[in-house]
C-alpha atoms as a PDB file:
ATOM      1  CA  MET A   1    -100.348  48.502 160.025  1.00  0.00           C
ATOM      2  CA  GLY A   2     -99.054  49.701 156.590  1.00  0.00           C
ATOM      3  CA  SER A   3    -100.241  52.504 154.471  1.00  0.00           C
ATOM      4  CA  PRO A   4    -103.504  52.047 152.569  1.00  0.00           C
ATOM      5  CA  ARG A   5    -101.642  52.232 149.248  1.00  0.00           C
ATOM      6  CA  ARG A   6     -99.132  49.549 150.354  1.00  0.00           C
ATOM      7  CA  ASP A   7    -101.980  47.345 151.680  1.00  0.00           C
ATOM      8  CA  THR A   8    -103.802  47.644 148.366  1.00  0.00           C
ATOM      9  CA  ALA A   9    -100.667  46.834 146.418  1.00  0.00           C
ATOM     10  CA  ALA A  10     -99.982  43.823 148.652  1.00  0.00           C
ATOM     11  CA  ALA A  11    -103.569  42.554 148.268  1.00  0.00           C
ATOM     12  CA  PHE A  12    -103.343  42.932 144.505  1.00  0.00           C
ATOM     13  CA  LEU A  13     -99.991  41.167 144.272  1.00  0.00           C
ATOM     14  CA  ASP A  14    -101.272  38.383 146.447  1.00  0.00           C
ATOM     15  CA  ALA A  15    -104.252  37.895 144.139  1.00  0.00           C
ATOM     16  CA  VAL A  16    -102.020  38.021 141.024  1.00  0.00           C
ATOM     17  CA  ASP A  17     -99.630  35.478 142.507  1.00  0.00           C
ATOM     18  CA  ARG A  18    -102.548  33.054 142.770  1.00  0.00           C
ATOM     19  CA  LEU A  19    -103.574  33.443 139.109  1.00  0.00           C
ATOM     20  CA  ASP A  20    -101.270  30.629 138.076  1.00  0.00           C
ATOM     21  CA  SER A  21    -102.787  28.142 140.478  1.00  0.00           C
ATOM     22  CA  PRO A  22    -103.518  24.723 138.989  1.00  0.00           C
ATOM     23  CA  SER A  23    -107.021  24.957 140.496  1.00  0.00           C
ATOM     24  CA  ARG A  24    -109.558  26.615 138.260  1.00  0.00           C
ATOM     25  CA  ALA A  25    -111.624  27.661 141.282  1.00  0.00           C
ATOM     26  CA  GLU A  26    -108.554  29.241 142.904  1.00  0.00           C
ATOM     27  CA  ARG A  27    -107.706  31.086 139.745  1.00  0.00           C
ATOM     28  CA  ASN A  28    -111.282  32.366 139.508  1.00  0.00           C
ATOM     29  CA  ARG A  29    -111.178  33.567 143.132  1.00  0.00           C
ATOM     30  CA  ALA A  30    -107.822  35.220 142.540  1.00  0.00           C
ATOM     31  CA  LEU A  31    -109.146  37.046 139.431  1.00  0.00           C
ATOM     32  CA  THR A  32    -112.241  38.146 141.311  1.00  0.00           C
ATOM     33  CA  LYS A  33    -110.047  39.404 144.175  1.00  0.00           C
ATOM     34  CA  ALA A  34    -107.674  41.244 141.810  1.00  0.00           C
ATOM     35  CA  CYS A  35    -110.578  42.899 139.986  1.00  0.00           C
ATOM     36  CA  SER A  36    -112.100  43.900 143.318  1.00  0.00           C
ATOM     37  CA  VAL A  37    -108.835  45.452 144.569  1.00  0.00           C
ATOM     38  CA  LEU A  38    -108.499  47.393 141.279  1.00  0.00           C
ATOM     39  CA  ASP A  39    -112.085  48.550 141.488  1.00  0.00           C
ATOM     40  CA  ARG A  40    -111.653  49.824 145.089  1.00  0.00           C
ATOM     41  CA  ALA A  41    -108.524  51.670 143.983  1.00  0.00           C
ATOM     42  CA  GLY A  42    -110.389  53.236 141.062  1.00  0.00           C
ATOM     43  CA  LEU A  43    -108.188  51.437 138.562  1.00  0.00           C
ATOM     44  CA  ARG A  44    -108.672  49.200 135.576  1.00  0.00           C
ATOM     45  CA  TRP A  45    -106.454  46.463 134.221  1.00  0.00           C
ATOM     46  CA  ARG A  46    -105.171  48.805 131.502  1.00  0.00           C
ATOM     47  CA  ASP A  47    -103.941  51.104 134.237  1.00  0.00           C
ATOM     48  CA  VAL A  48    -101.838  48.372 135.682  1.00  0.00           C
ATOM     49  CA  ILE A  49    -100.637  46.705 132.470  1.00  0.00           C
ATOM     50  CA  ARG A  50     -98.866  49.045 130.101  1.00  0.00           C
ATOM     51  CA  LEU A  51     -97.927  47.948 126.620  1.00  0.00           C
ATOM     52  CA  PRO A  52     -94.313  48.621 125.792  1.00  0.00           C
ATOM     53  CA  LYS A  53     -93.704  51.647 123.695  1.00  0.00           C
ATOM     54  CA  ARG A  54     -92.829  50.863 120.152  1.00  0.00           C
ATOM     55  CA  ARG A  55     -89.156  51.313 119.441  1.00  0.00           C
ATOM     56  CA  ALA A  56     -88.046  53.905 116.852  1.00  0.00           C
ATOM     57  CA  HIS A  57     -86.199  51.231 114.903  1.00  0.00           C
ATOM     58  CA  ILE A  58     -89.519  49.470 114.249  1.00  0.00           C
ATOM     59  CA  ASP A  59     -90.972  52.556 112.659  1.00  0.00           C
ATOM     60  CA  ALA A  60     -87.795  52.853 110.527  1.00  0.00           C
ATOM     61  CA  CYS A  61     -87.949  49.245 109.447  1.00  0.00           C
ATOM     62  CA  LEU A  62     -91.655  49.506 108.490  1.00  0.00           C
ATOM     63  CA  ALA A  63     -91.021  52.708 106.519  1.00  0.00           C
ATOM     64  CA  LEU A  64     -88.133  51.070 104.646  1.00  0.00           C
ATOM     65  CA  LEU A  65     -90.138  47.935 103.972  1.00  0.00           C
ATOM     66  CA  GLU A  66     -92.830  50.080 102.299  1.00  0.00           C
ATOM     67  CA  ARG A  67     -90.123  50.907  99.747  1.00  0.00           C
ATOM     68  CA  GLY A  68     -89.407  47.196  99.204  1.00  0.00           C
ATOM     69  CA  GLU A  69     -88.824  47.612  95.507  1.00  0.00           C
ATOM     70  CA  LEU A  70     -85.637  49.440  96.352  1.00  0.00           C
ATOM     71  CA  LEU A  71     -84.362  46.660  98.602  1.00  0.00           C
ATOM     72  CA  ASN A  72     -82.732  43.372  97.823  1.00  0.00           C
ATOM     73  CA  ASP A  73     -83.991  40.122  99.403  1.00  0.00           C
ATOM     74  CA  TRP A  74     -81.342  40.149 102.133  1.00  0.00           C
ATOM     75  CA  GLU A  75     -82.275  43.716 103.184  1.00  0.00           C
ATOM     76  CA  ARG A  76     -86.004  42.914 103.290  1.00  0.00           C
ATOM     77  CA  ASP A  77     -85.299  39.827 105.444  1.00  0.00           C
ATOM     78  CA  PHE A  78     -82.972  41.776 107.682  1.00  0.00           C
ATOM     79  CA  LEU A  79     -85.521  44.535 108.246  1.00  0.00           C
ATOM     80  CA  ARG A  80     -88.289  42.012 108.987  1.00  0.00           C
ATOM     81  CA  GLY A  81     -85.965  40.351 111.518  1.00  0.00           C
ATOM     82  CA  LEU A  82     -85.171  43.605 113.282  1.00  0.00           C
ATOM     83  CA  ILE A  83     -88.813  44.228 114.088  1.00  0.00           C
ATOM     84  CA  ALA A  84     -88.715  41.360 116.596  1.00  0.00           C
ATOM     85  CA  PHE A  85     -85.922  42.924 118.677  1.00  0.00           C
ATOM     86  CA  ALA A  86     -86.503  45.233 121.612  1.00  0.00           C
ATOM     87  CA  ARG A  87     -83.027  46.732 121.216  1.00  0.00           C
ATOM     88  CA  LEU A  88     -80.529  46.722 118.427  1.00  0.00           C
ATOM     89  CA  THR A  89     -76.846  46.087 118.654  1.00  0.00           C
ATOM     90  CA  PRO A  90     -74.555  48.791 117.358  1.00  0.00           C
ATOM     91  CA  LYS A  91     -73.865  46.701 114.265  1.00  0.00           C
ATOM     92  CA  GLN A  92     -77.605  46.142 113.572  1.00  0.00           C
ATOM     93  CA  SER A  93     -78.250  49.866 114.093  1.00  0.00           C
ATOM     94  CA  SER A  94     -75.439  50.778 111.699  1.00  0.00           C
ATOM     95  CA  ARG A  95     -76.731  48.363 109.061  1.00  0.00           C
ATOM     96  CA  LEU A  96     -80.266  49.856 109.469  1.00  0.00           C
ATOM     97  CA  ASP A  97     -78.782  53.334 108.931  1.00  0.00           C
ATOM     98  CA  ASP A  98     -76.902  52.082 105.848  1.00  0.00           C
ATOM     99  CA  ILE A  99     -80.073  50.680 104.332  1.00  0.00           C
ATOM    100  CA  GLY A 100     -81.912  53.926 105.078  1.00  0.00           C
ATOM    101  CA  GLU A 101     -79.197  55.951 103.389  1.00  0.00           C
ATOM    102  CA  LYS A 102     -79.292  53.664 100.379  1.00  0.00           C
ATOM    103  CA  VAL A 103     -83.058  54.068 100.049  1.00  0.00           C
ATOM    104  CA  ARG A 104     -82.908  57.845 100.486  1.00  0.00           C
ATOM    105  CA  GLY A 105     -80.150  58.014  97.869  1.00  0.00           C
ATOM    106  CA  LEU A 106     -82.110  55.915  95.363  1.00  0.00           C
ATOM    107  CA  GLU A 107     -85.220  58.053  96.002  1.00  0.00           C
ATOM    108  CA  ALA A 108     -83.235  61.275  95.463  1.00  0.00           C
ATOM    109  CA  ALA A 109     -81.697  59.931  92.233  1.00  0.00           C
ATOM    110  CA  ALA A 110     -85.137  58.904  90.954  1.00  0.00           C
ATOM    111  CA  ALA A 111     -86.513  62.361  91.757  1.00  0.00           C
ATOM    112  CA  CYS A 112     -83.732  63.947  89.651  1.00  0.00           C
ATOM    113  CA  SER A 113     -84.243  61.660  86.658  1.00  0.00           C
ATOM    114  CA  PRO A 114     -86.367  62.863  83.773  1.00  0.00           C
END
């Protein structure tokens, strides 16, 4: 006999595996079983399913897009496209940095202008 934790995990995974059954009744039984296993373990679905953390590049893209008047069309499209990526290539990251430097430079120049 396995450990209670391993048995609980196995029961949960068995139920989850049946969630894609073509039978509606089987899917309903599987969902009921999975919810029951979670309840007995003192867990909720949100404890099992974690949303991925937002990547730092997404925050940078959103911040730069807020200053859209300082960007050309290509840069706006590029930044919007980067938001869809989980990871950036070194070239994409470098281009993002370049755009950030451009915007910071334009903001600094505007702050110094009378």
